[in-house]
Amino acid sequence: MGIPGRVEEVNGEEAVVSFGGTRRSVRLDLVDNVAIGDYVIVHAGFAIEVLDQETALEMLEALKEVFKE
């Protein structure tokens, strides 16, 4: 399962991504043109897709509903 997170830092082929306040180092080898503030889907430590903010926020809201129970 890929989880959306917000990019907080970009350092070459690595980024620091925030997942609701938890920050993780993520590889950017599989995506292009990632900037601070972008949302990415992360799977197994790699960003696999760049998302627009609206889509990312919708996915995060859906995940909250699923894990609320």
Protein backbone atom coordinates (compact mmCIF):
# COMPACT_ATOMS: atom_id res chain seq x y z
CA MET A 1 0.00 0.00 0.00
CA GLY A 2 1.30 3.46 -0.90
CA ILE A 3 0.74 6.25 1.59
CA PRO A 4 0.56 9.95 0.65
CA GLY A 5 2.87 12.37 2.42
CA ARG A 6 4.00 15.99 2.06
CA VAL A 7 7.57 16.76 0.98
CA GLU A 8 9.33 18.98 3.52
CA GLU A 9 12.94 18.83 2.28
CA VAL A 10 14.63 17.77 -0.96
CA ASN A 11 18.29 16.77 -1.02
CA GLY A 12 19.25 15.37 -4.43
CA GLU A 13 17.60 11.97 -4.82
CA GLU A 14 16.26 11.94 -1.25
CA ALA A 15 13.49 13.86 0.48
CA VAL A 16 12.10 14.20 3.96
CA VAL A 17 8.38 13.47 3.80
CA SER A 18 5.84 14.14 6.54
CA PHE A 19 3.07 11.65 7.22
CA GLY A 20 0.81 13.46 9.67
CA GLY A 21 3.78 14.75 11.63
CA THR A 22 5.97 11.66 11.36
CA ARG A 23 8.95 12.46 9.15
CA ARG A 24 10.76 9.86 7.06
CA SER A 25 13.58 9.87 4.54
CA VAL A 26 12.30 8.78 1.12
CA ARG A 27 14.12 8.02 -2.14
CA LEU A 28 13.10 10.01 -5.24
CA ASP A 29 14.67 7.79 -7.91
CA LEU A 30 11.30 6.85 -9.44
CA VAL A 31 9.75 10.34 -9.79
CA ASP A 32 10.76 13.59 -11.46
CA ASN A 33 10.54 17.25 -10.47
CA VAL A 34 9.63 16.87 -6.80
CA ALA A 35 9.59 20.13 -4.83
CA ILE A 36 9.00 21.15 -1.24
CA GLY A 37 5.26 21.21 -0.59
CA ASP A 38 4.44 18.50 -3.14
CA TYR A 39 2.54 15.40 -2.10
CA VAL A 40 3.91 11.99 -3.07
CA ILE A 41 2.74 8.42 -2.66
CA VAL A 42 5.41 6.43 -0.81
CA HIS A 43 5.82 2.66 -0.89
CA ALA A 44 8.75 0.77 0.64
CA GLY A 45 10.78 3.94 1.12
CA PHE A 46 10.39 5.20 -2.46
CA ALA A 47 8.19 7.99 -3.80
CA ILE A 48 6.30 6.28 -6.61
CA GLU A 49 3.96 9.08 -7.75
CA VAL A 50 3.56 12.83 -7.37
CA LEU A 51 0.00 13.89 -6.50
CA ASP A 52 -1.84 17.17 -6.74
CA GLN A 53 -2.86 18.55 -3.34
CA GLU A 54 -6.60 17.93 -3.80
CA THR A 55 -6.11 14.24 -4.62
CA ALA A 56 -3.65 13.78 -1.76
CA LEU A 57 -6.00 15.35 0.79
CA GLU A 58 -8.91 13.21 -0.45
CA MET A 59 -6.78 10.08 -0.06
CA LEU A 60 -5.69 11.09 3.44
CA GLU A 61 -9.30 11.70 4.47
CA ALA A 62 -10.33 8.29 3.09
CA LEU A 63 -7.49 6.62 5.03
CA LYS A 64 -8.65 8.34 8.23
CA GLU A 65 -12.13 6.89 7.72
CA VAL A 66 -10.79 3.38 7.09
CA PHE A 67 -8.57 3.36 10.17
CA LYS A 68 -11.05 5.14 12.44
CA GLU A 69 -12.79 1.89 13.33
